[in-house]
């Protein structure tokens, strides 16, 4: 919540709303696989929005640190959730979770050849 409060000035309203919904979802605990999957995918949607902003060439460099802090927080929540979803066996849900993880991974890959070597 604190990271979101600090970054509100650099986020579009719909992204602020999505991230606020994630803050209000009651943590990473869940009672069944559907609830856990729903939380995971909600976080994934928020990360997709952040990655779009981070990968936009027009994004002001002064806000990148704030956005990366939020993304790191969301990544941590996804990690906790995916570790709790080890009994998931439904293929559509597993595919959705894999897509979300791969999208986040690819979204953070440097586009410049020089940076990829680092």
Foldseek 3Di string as FASTA:
>chain_A
DVLLVVQVVQDDPVLSVLLVVLVVLPAQDDDDLVSLLVSLVSLLVSLVRLLVLLPDPPRDPVCNVSSVVSNVVSVVSNVVSVVVNVVDDDVVSVVSNVVSVVCNVVSPQDPDPVVNVD
